[in-house]
Amino acid sequence: MSVRPRGPVWWFVGAGGLFTALLAAFFAGMGEDREPELAVADVEGAWRGADGGRLTVRADGSAELERVTEPRQDCGQSAGLAPDTYTGPATWVFDTYPDEAPGIRFDFPGPETGRSCKIYLVVVDYKDGTEGGFLPHVRGQYMRSAELTG
């Protein structure tokens, strides 16, 4: 009967157990940072942008966009406006822009091209307690008012 050193075996078993425990803790911790789900009450209302744009979000899934900067030039634009803005009707759904917090996506047909266009609004609760958001393709914040005033 030969005697084998047991020290290395127990070292590998211990290291394997520690690795498994750390891996499980890592994956469990990933779930804690999830963003809360949004509700209609979190997005309904008028959103005013620093650039003069306005998003009116209604509970029925309809929306009005006014002077909102388009993410692409080939969406077409409303007559008489700057070539990179859109004003007109849209629909919205809850969606998440890649690598951002949850928000909503506006879908609208380009008025001149008929091509489907999308604009994302990432919804954020700022540290000072205000509700707002931003469009990932432009600079500037959009601040929300729950009232649907004209």
N, C-alpha and C. Protein backbone atom coordinates (compact mmCIF):
# COMPACT_ATOMS: atom_id res chain seq x y z
N MET A 1 0.84 -1.16 0.00
CA MET A 1 0.00 0.00 0.00
C MET A 1 0.90 1.24 0.00
N SER A 2 0.61 2.12 -0.93
CA SER A 2 1.44 3.31 -1.02
C SER A 2 0.75 4.48 -0.32
N VAL A 3 1.53 5.36 0.21
CA VAL A 3 1.02 6.53 0.90
C VAL A 3 1.11 7.73 -0.05
N ARG A 4 -0.01 8.36 -0.27
CA ARG A 4 -0.03 9.53 -1.16
C ARG A 4 -0.17 10.78 -0.31
N PRO A 5 0.45 11.84 -0.75
CA PRO A 5 0.30 13.08 0.01
C PRO A 5 -1.13 13.60 -0.12
N ARG A 6 -1.74 13.87 1.01
CA ARG A 6 -3.14 14.31 1.01
C ARG A 6 -3.25 15.83 1.01
N GLY A 7 -2.22 16.53 1.35
CA GLY A 7 -2.26 18.00 1.39
C GLY A 7 -2.69 18.62 0.08
N PRO A 8 -2.08 18.27 -1.06
CA PRO A 8 -2.48 18.88 -2.34
C PRO A 8 -3.92 18.56 -2.74
N VAL A 9 -4.38 17.34 -2.39
CA VAL A 9 -5.74 16.97 -2.75
C VAL A 9 -6.74 17.87 -2.01
N TRP A 10 -6.54 18.05 -0.73
CA TRP A 10 -7.44 18.89 0.05
C TRP A 10 -7.33 20.35 -0.37
N TRP A 11 -6.16 20.75 -0.79
CA TRP A 11 -6.00 22.13 -1.27
C TRP A 11 -6.85 22.35 -2.53
N PHE A 12 -6.81 21.40 -3.46
CA PHE A 12 -7.60 21.52 -4.69
C PHE A 12 -9.10 21.45 -4.41
N VAL A 13 -9.51 20.60 -3.48
CA VAL A 13 -10.92 20.51 -3.12
C VAL A 13 -11.38 21.83 -2.49
N GLY A 14 -10.58 22.37 -1.59
CA GLY A 14 -10.92 23.65 -0.96
C GLY A 14 -10.97 24.79 -1.96
N ALA A 15 -10.00 24.85 -2.87
CA ALA A 15 -9.97 25.90 -3.89
C ALA A 15 -11.17 25.77 -4.82
N GLY A 16 -11.54 24.55 -5.19
CA GLY A 16 -12.71 24.34 -6.04
C GLY A 16 -13.99 24.77 -5.36
N GLY A 17 -14.13 24.47 -4.05
CA GLY A 17 -15.30 24.89 -3.30
C GLY A 17 -15.38 26.41 -3.18
N LEU A 18 -14.24 27.03 -2.92
CA LEU A 18 -14.21 28.49 -2.81
C LEU A 18 -14.58 29.14 -4.15
N PHE A 19 -14.06 28.61 -5.24
CA PHE A 19 -14.37 29.13 -6.57
C PHE A 19 -15.88 29.01 -6.85
N THR A 20 -16.46 27.86 -6.51
CA THR A 20 -17.89 27.65 -6.73
C THR A 20 -18.71 28.63 -5.90
N ALA A 21 -18.33 28.85 -4.63
CA ALA A 21 -19.05 29.80 -3.78
C ALA A 21 -18.94 31.22 -4.31
N LEU A 22 -17.76 31.64 -4.77
CA LEU A 22 -17.59 32.98 -5.31
C LEU A 22 -18.39 33.17 -6.60
N LEU A 23 -18.41 32.14 -7.45
CA LEU A 23 -19.17 32.21 -8.69
C LEU A 23 -20.67 32.33 -8.41
N ALA A 24 -21.17 31.57 -7.44
CA ALA A 24 -22.59 31.65 -7.07
C ALA A 24 -22.92 33.04 -6.50
N ALA A 25 -22.04 33.59 -5.67
CA ALA A 25 -22.26 34.93 -5.11
C ALA A 25 -22.26 35.99 -6.20
N PHE A 26 -21.39 35.83 -7.19
CA PHE A 26 -21.33 36.78 -8.29
C PHE A 26 -22.64 36.80 -9.06
N PHE A 27 -23.15 35.62 -9.42
CA PHE A 27 -24.39 35.57 -10.19
C PHE A 27 -25.59 36.00 -9.36
N ALA A 28 -25.59 35.73 -8.07
CA ALA A 28 -26.69 36.19 -7.21
C ALA A 28 -26.66 37.70 -7.08
N GLY A 29 -25.48 38.30 -7.02
CA GLY A 29 -25.35 39.75 -6.92
C GLY A 29 -25.75 40.48 -8.18
N MET A 30 -25.63 39.82 -9.32
CA MET A 30 -26.03 40.46 -10.58
C MET A 30 -27.52 40.76 -10.61
N GLY A 31 -28.33 39.92 -10.00
CA GLY A 31 -29.78 40.12 -10.01
C GLY A 31 -30.23 41.26 -9.13
N GLU A 32 -29.42 41.67 -8.15
CA GLU A 32 -29.82 42.72 -7.24
C GLU A 32 -29.80 44.10 -7.88
N ASP A 33 -29.02 44.31 -8.92
CA ASP A 33 -28.89 45.62 -9.55
C ASP A 33 -29.92 45.86 -10.64
N ARG A 34 -30.88 45.01 -10.77
CA ARG A 34 -31.88 45.18 -11.81
C ARG A 34 -32.68 46.45 -11.60
N GLU A 35 -33.00 47.08 -12.69
CA GLU A 35 -33.82 48.29 -12.64
C GLU A 35 -35.26 47.89 -12.37
N PRO A 36 -35.99 48.69 -11.63
CA PRO A 36 -37.39 48.36 -11.37
C PRO A 36 -38.21 48.46 -12.66
N GLU A 37 -39.26 47.68 -12.71
CA GLU A 37 -40.16 47.71 -13.86
C GLU A 37 -40.89 49.06 -13.90
N LEU A 38 -41.12 49.54 -15.08
CA LEU A 38 -41.86 50.79 -15.24
C LEU A 38 -43.35 50.49 -15.39
N ALA A 39 -44.18 51.42 -14.96
CA ALA A 39 -45.62 51.34 -15.13
C ALA A 39 -46.06 52.54 -15.96
N VAL A 40 -47.27 52.48 -16.46
CA VAL A 40 -47.81 53.57 -17.27
C VAL A 40 -47.75 54.88 -16.50
N ALA A 41 -48.03 54.84 -15.20
CA ALA A 41 -48.01 56.06 -14.38
C ALA A 41 -46.62 56.68 -14.32
N ASP A 42 -45.58 55.89 -14.56
CA ASP A 42 -44.20 56.40 -14.54
C ASP A 42 -43.84 57.18 -15.80
N VAL A 43 -44.59 56.98 -16.88
CA VAL A 43 -44.21 57.60 -18.15
C VAL A 43 -45.28 58.51 -18.73
N GLU A 44 -46.52 58.37 -18.29
CA GLU A 44 -47.60 59.17 -18.85
C GLU A 44 -47.42 60.64 -18.49
N GLY A 45 -47.66 61.50 -19.45
CA GLY A 45 -47.56 62.93 -19.23
C GLY A 45 -46.76 63.61 -20.32
N ALA A 46 -46.36 64.83 -20.04
CA ALA A 46 -45.59 65.63 -21.00
C ALA A 46 -44.13 65.66 -20.57
N TRP A 47 -43.25 65.39 -21.51
CA TRP A 47 -41.81 65.41 -21.28
C TRP A 47 -41.23 66.55 -22.11
N ARG A 48 -40.57 67.49 -21.46
CA ARG A 48 -39.99 68.64 -22.17
C ARG A 48 -38.48 68.52 -22.18
N GLY A 49 -37.92 68.73 -23.36
CA GLY A 49 -36.48 68.62 -23.52
C GLY A 49 -35.78 69.95 -23.47
N ALA A 50 -34.51 69.90 -23.11
CA ALA A 50 -33.69 71.11 -23.08
C ALA A 50 -33.52 71.70 -24.48
N ASP A 51 -33.68 70.86 -25.50
CA ASP A 51 -33.52 71.30 -26.89
C ASP A 51 -34.82 71.85 -27.48
N GLY A 52 -35.88 71.98 -26.68
CA GLY A 52 -37.17 72.48 -27.16
C GLY A 52 -38.12 71.39 -27.60
N GLY A 53 -37.68 70.15 -27.57
CA GLY A 53 -38.55 69.05 -27.95
C GLY A 53 -39.58 68.75 -26.87
N ARG A 54 -40.63 68.09 -27.28
CA ARG A 54 -41.69 67.72 -26.33
C ARG A 54 -42.24 66.36 -26.73
N LEU A 55 -42.44 65.51 -25.72
CA LEU A 55 -43.03 64.19 -25.91
C LEU A 55 -44.30 64.14 -25.06
N THR A 56 -45.42 63.86 -25.67
CA THR A 56 -46.66 63.70 -24.92
C THR A 56 -47.02 62.22 -24.96
N VAL A 57 -47.02 61.60 -23.79
CA VAL A 57 -47.24 60.16 -23.67
C VAL A 57 -48.60 59.93 -23.03
N ARG A 58 -49.46 59.17 -23.71
CA ARG A 58 -50.80 58.88 -23.20
C ARG A 58 -50.89 57.40 -22.78
N ALA A 59 -51.77 57.13 -21.84
CA ALA A 59 -51.92 55.78 -21.29
C ALA A 59 -52.38 54.76 -22.33
N ASP A 60 -53.04 55.22 -23.39
CA ASP A 60 -53.57 54.28 -24.40
C ASP A 60 -52.52 53.82 -25.41
N GLY A 61 -51.26 54.22 -25.24
CA GLY A 61 -50.20 53.80 -26.17
C GLY A 61 -49.95 54.78 -27.30
N SER A 62 -50.69 55.87 -27.32
CA SER A 62 -50.46 56.88 -28.35
C SER A 62 -49.57 57.98 -27.79
N ALA A 63 -48.96 58.73 -28.69
CA ALA A 63 -48.07 59.81 -28.28
C ALA A 63 -48.04 60.87 -29.37
N GLU A 64 -47.62 62.06 -28.98
CA GLU A 64 -47.36 63.16 -29.91
C GLU A 64 -45.92 63.61 -29.68
N LEU A 65 -45.17 63.72 -30.74
CA LEU A 65 -43.80 64.20 -30.66
C LEU A 65 -43.74 65.57 -31.32
N GLU A 66 -43.07 66.52 -30.67
CA GLU A 66 -42.94 67.87 -31.22
C GLU A 66 -41.47 68.28 -31.22
N ARG A 67 -40.96 68.62 -32.39
CA ARG A 67 -39.58 69.10 -32.54
C ARG A 67 -38.55 68.16 -31.87
N VAL A 68 -38.75 66.86 -32.03
CA VAL A 68 -37.86 65.88 -31.42
C VAL A 68 -36.78 65.50 -32.42
N THR A 69 -35.54 65.56 -31.98
CA THR A 69 -34.41 65.23 -32.85
C THR A 69 -34.47 63.76 -33.25
N GLU A 70 -34.38 63.50 -34.54
CA GLU A 70 -34.43 62.14 -35.05
C GLU A 70 -33.06 61.46 -34.94
N PRO A 71 -33.06 60.15 -34.73
CA PRO A 71 -31.79 59.44 -34.64
C PRO A 71 -31.13 59.21 -35.99
N ARG A 72 -31.92 59.25 -37.08
CA ARG A 72 -31.38 59.02 -38.42
C ARG A 72 -31.92 60.10 -39.35
N GLN A 73 -31.15 60.41 -40.36
CA GLN A 73 -31.58 61.41 -41.33
C GLN A 73 -32.61 60.87 -42.32
N ASP A 74 -32.66 59.56 -42.51
CA ASP A 74 -33.53 59.02 -43.56
C ASP A 74 -34.94 58.69 -43.09
N CYS A 75 -35.36 59.21 -41.95
CA CYS A 75 -36.72 58.97 -41.48
C CYS A 75 -37.71 59.93 -42.14
N GLY A 76 -37.24 61.00 -42.70
CA GLY A 76 -38.14 62.02 -43.24
C GLY A 76 -38.51 62.96 -42.11
N GLN A 77 -39.05 64.08 -42.43
CA GLN A 77 -39.41 65.05 -41.40
C GLN A 77 -40.65 65.81 -41.81
N SER A 78 -41.26 66.40 -40.81
CA SER A 78 -42.46 67.18 -41.08
C SER A 78 -42.09 68.42 -41.88
N ALA A 79 -42.99 68.87 -42.71
CA ALA A 79 -42.75 70.03 -43.56
C ALA A 79 -42.51 71.28 -42.72
N GLY A 80 -41.55 72.07 -43.11
CA GLY A 80 -41.29 73.34 -42.47
C GLY A 80 -40.41 73.27 -41.23
N LEU A 81 -39.99 72.09 -40.81
CA LEU A 81 -39.15 71.96 -39.62
C LEU A 81 -37.71 71.71 -40.02
N ALA A 82 -36.83 71.87 -39.07
CA ALA A 82 -35.42 71.57 -39.33
C ALA A 82 -35.31 70.13 -39.84
N PRO A 83 -34.34 69.85 -40.70
CA PRO A 83 -34.27 68.54 -41.33
C PRO A 83 -34.01 67.38 -40.38
N ASP A 84 -33.65 67.66 -39.14
CA ASP A 84 -33.35 66.55 -38.23
C ASP A 84 -34.36 66.45 -37.09
N THR A 85 -35.53 67.03 -37.24
CA THR A 85 -36.55 66.94 -36.20
C THR A 85 -37.82 66.31 -36.74
N TYR A 86 -38.64 65.82 -35.84
CA TYR A 86 -39.93 65.24 -36.21
C TYR A 86 -41.01 65.83 -35.32
N THR A 87 -42.13 66.14 -35.92
CA THR A 87 -43.33 66.54 -35.21
C THR A 87 -44.48 65.75 -35.79
N GLY A 88 -45.21 65.06 -34.93
CA GLY A 88 -46.34 64.28 -35.41
C GLY A 88 -46.71 63.16 -34.46
N PRO A 89 -47.67 62.33 -34.89
CA PRO A 89 -48.15 61.26 -34.03
C PRO A 89 -47.15 60.10 -33.96
N ALA A 90 -47.26 59.33 -32.88
CA ALA A 90 -46.43 58.14 -32.69
C ALA A 90 -47.17 57.19 -31.76
N THR A 91 -46.67 55.99 -31.67
CA THR A 91 -47.13 55.04 -30.67
C THR A 91 -45.93 54.75 -29.76
N TRP A 92 -46.20 54.21 -28.57
CA TRP A 92 -45.10 53.89 -27.67
C TRP A 92 -45.34 52.55 -26.98
N VAL A 93 -44.23 51.90 -26.62
CA VAL A 93 -44.24 50.65 -25.85
C VAL A 93 -43.07 50.70 -24.87
N PHE A 94 -43.16 49.91 -23.80
CA PHE A 94 -42.03 49.80 -22.89
C PHE A 94 -40.91 49.05 -23.60
N ASP A 95 -39.70 49.55 -23.49
CA ASP A 95 -38.55 48.92 -24.13
C ASP A 95 -37.29 49.44 -23.45
N THR A 96 -36.20 48.75 -23.65
CA THR A 96 -34.92 49.16 -23.06
C THR A 96 -33.91 49.36 -24.17
N TYR A 97 -33.34 50.54 -24.24
CA TYR A 97 -32.26 50.82 -25.18
C TYR A 97 -31.04 50.04 -24.71
N PRO A 98 -30.27 49.44 -25.62
CA PRO A 98 -29.11 48.64 -25.19
C PRO A 98 -28.19 49.39 -24.23
N ASP A 99 -27.80 48.73 -23.16
CA ASP A 99 -26.87 49.24 -22.15
C ASP A 99 -27.41 50.44 -21.38
N GLU A 100 -28.70 50.61 -21.32
CA GLU A 100 -29.28 51.74 -20.58
C GLU A 100 -30.35 51.23 -19.63
N ALA A 101 -30.89 52.12 -18.83
CA ALA A 101 -31.99 51.80 -17.93
C ALA A 101 -33.27 51.60 -18.75
N PRO A 102 -34.30 50.99 -18.16
CA PRO A 102 -35.56 50.81 -18.89
C PRO A 102 -36.17 52.15 -19.30
N GLY A 103 -37.01 52.08 -20.30
CA GLY A 103 -37.67 53.28 -20.78
C GLY A 103 -38.78 52.91 -21.74
N ILE A 104 -39.02 53.80 -22.70
CA ILE A 104 -40.05 53.55 -23.70
C ILE A 104 -39.48 53.85 -25.09
N ARG A 105 -40.10 53.19 -26.07
CA ARG A 105 -39.71 53.38 -27.46
C ARG A 105 -40.89 53.98 -28.21
N PHE A 106 -40.63 55.04 -28.94
CA PHE A 106 -41.63 55.66 -29.79
C PHE A 106 -41.44 55.14 -31.20
N ASP A 107 -42.51 54.72 -31.83
CA ASP A 107 -42.47 54.27 -33.22
C ASP A 107 -43.35 55.21 -34.04
N PHE A 108 -42.81 55.63 -35.18
CA PHE A 108 -43.57 56.50 -36.06
C PHE A 108 -43.10 56.32 -37.48
N PRO A 109 -44.00 56.49 -38.46
CA PRO A 109 -43.56 56.42 -39.85
C PRO A 109 -42.98 57.76 -40.27
N GLY A 110 -41.88 57.74 -40.97
CA GLY A 110 -41.34 58.98 -41.51
C GLY A 110 -42.37 59.59 -42.44
N PRO A 111 -42.73 60.86 -42.26
CA PRO A 111 -43.80 61.46 -43.05
C PRO A 111 -43.55 61.45 -44.56
N GLU A 112 -42.30 61.55 -44.96
CA GLU A 112 -42.01 61.60 -46.39
C GLU A 112 -41.59 60.25 -46.94
N THR A 113 -40.92 59.45 -46.14
CA THR A 113 -40.40 58.18 -46.64
C THR A 113 -41.30 57.00 -46.30
N GLY A 114 -42.14 57.11 -45.25
CA GLY A 114 -42.96 55.99 -44.82
C GLY A 114 -42.17 54.93 -44.07
N ARG A 115 -40.87 55.13 -43.97
CA ARG A 115 -39.99 54.18 -43.28
C ARG A 115 -40.26 54.24 -41.78
N SER A 116 -40.24 53.09 -41.13
CA SER A 116 -40.48 53.03 -39.69
C SER A 116 -39.29 53.61 -38.93
N CYS A 117 -39.56 54.53 -38.03
CA CYS A 117 -38.52 55.18 -37.24
C CYS A 117 -38.77 54.92 -35.77
N LYS A 118 -37.70 54.88 -34.99
CA LYS A 118 -37.78 54.62 -33.57
C LYS A 118 -36.98 55.66 -32.80
N ILE A 119 -37.52 56.10 -31.68
CA ILE A 119 -36.81 56.98 -30.76
C ILE A 119 -37.00 56.39 -29.37
N TYR A 120 -35.91 56.25 -28.65
CA TYR A 120 -35.95 55.71 -27.30
C TYR A 120 -35.86 56.83 -26.27
N LEU A 121 -36.65 56.71 -25.21
CA LEU A 121 -36.55 57.59 -24.06
C LEU A 121 -36.16 56.73 -22.87
N VAL A 122 -34.98 56.95 -22.34
CA VAL A 122 -34.52 56.24 -21.15
C VAL A 122 -35.04 56.99 -19.95
N VAL A 123 -35.77 56.32 -19.06
CA VAL A 123 -36.41 56.95 -17.91
C VAL A 123 -35.49 56.82 -16.69
N VAL A 124 -35.30 57.95 -16.00
CA VAL A 124 -34.37 58.00 -14.87
C VAL A 124 -35.02 58.73 -13.71
N ASP A 125 -34.82 58.22 -12.50
CA ASP A 125 -35.17 58.96 -11.29
C ASP A 125 -33.88 59.58 -10.78
N TYR A 126 -33.79 60.89 -10.82
CA TYR A 126 -32.56 61.56 -10.42
C TYR A 126 -32.45 61.62 -8.89
N LYS A 127 -31.25 61.78 -8.40
CA LYS A 127 -30.99 61.77 -6.95
C LYS A 127 -31.74 62.85 -6.19
N ASP A 128 -32.07 63.95 -6.87
CA ASP A 128 -32.79 65.02 -6.18
C ASP A 128 -34.30 64.77 -6.14
N GLY A 129 -34.73 63.61 -6.62
CA GLY A 129 -36.14 63.24 -6.56
C GLY A 129 -36.95 63.60 -7.79
N THR A 130 -36.36 64.27 -8.76
CA THR A 130 -37.09 64.62 -9.97
C THR A 130 -37.14 63.43 -10.91
N GLU A 131 -38.18 63.40 -11.72
CA GLU A 131 -38.32 62.35 -12.71
C GLU A 131 -37.91 62.92 -14.06
N GLY A 132 -37.15 62.17 -14.79
CA GLY A 132 -36.72 62.65 -16.08
C GLY A 132 -36.24 61.52 -16.95
N GLY A 133 -35.55 61.89 -17.98
CA GLY A 133 -35.02 60.90 -18.90
C GLY A 133 -34.17 61.58 -19.95
N PHE A 134 -33.72 60.77 -20.88
CA PHE A 134 -32.92 61.32 -21.97
C PHE A 134 -33.08 60.45 -23.20
N LEU A 135 -32.82 61.05 -24.35
CA LEU A 135 -32.79 60.33 -25.61
C LEU A 135 -31.33 59.96 -25.86
N PRO A 136 -30.99 58.68 -25.99
CA PRO A 136 -29.58 58.30 -26.11
C PRO A 136 -28.86 58.92 -27.31
N HIS A 137 -29.60 59.32 -28.33
CA HIS A 137 -28.94 59.85 -29.54
C HIS A 137 -28.74 61.37 -29.50
N VAL A 138 -29.18 62.05 -28.45
CA VAL A 138 -28.97 63.50 -28.34
C VAL A 138 -28.53 63.86 -26.93
N ARG A 139 -27.95 65.05 -26.79
CA ARG A 139 -27.59 65.54 -25.46
C ARG A 139 -28.77 66.28 -24.86
N GLY A 140 -28.80 66.31 -23.54
CA GLY A 140 -29.84 67.06 -22.85
C GLY A 140 -30.89 66.15 -22.23
N GLN A 141 -31.43 66.63 -21.15
CA GLN A 141 -32.42 65.87 -20.40
C GLN A 141 -33.83 66.23 -20.82
N TYR A 142 -34.73 65.30 -20.59
CA TYR A 142 -36.15 65.53 -20.73
C TYR A 142 -36.75 65.41 -19.33
N MET A 143 -37.49 66.42 -18.92
CA MET A 143 -38.11 66.41 -17.60
C MET A 143 -39.61 66.16 -17.77
N ARG A 144 -40.17 65.39 -16.86
CA ARG A 144 -41.56 64.96 -16.97
C ARG A 144 -42.49 65.77 -16.09
N SER A 145 -43.65 66.05 -16.66
CA SER A 145 -44.78 66.59 -15.91
C SER A 145 -45.92 65.60 -16.11
N ALA A 146 -46.53 65.15 -15.04
CA ALA A 146 -47.58 64.15 -15.15
C ALA A 146 -48.83 64.69 -15.84
N GLU A 147 -48.95 66.01 -15.94
CA GLU A 147 -50.11 66.60 -16.57
C GLU A 147 -49.94 66.63 -18.08
N LEU A 148 -51.01 66.38 -18.78
CA LEU A 148 -51.01 66.41 -20.25
C LEU A 148 -51.51 67.76 -20.73
N THR A 149 -50.81 68.81 -20.37
CA THR A 149 -51.23 70.16 -20.78
C THR A 149 -50.74 70.46 -22.18
N GLY A 150 -51.37 71.41 -22.83
CA GLY A 150 -51.04 71.77 -24.20
C GLY A 150 -49.94 72.70 -24.36
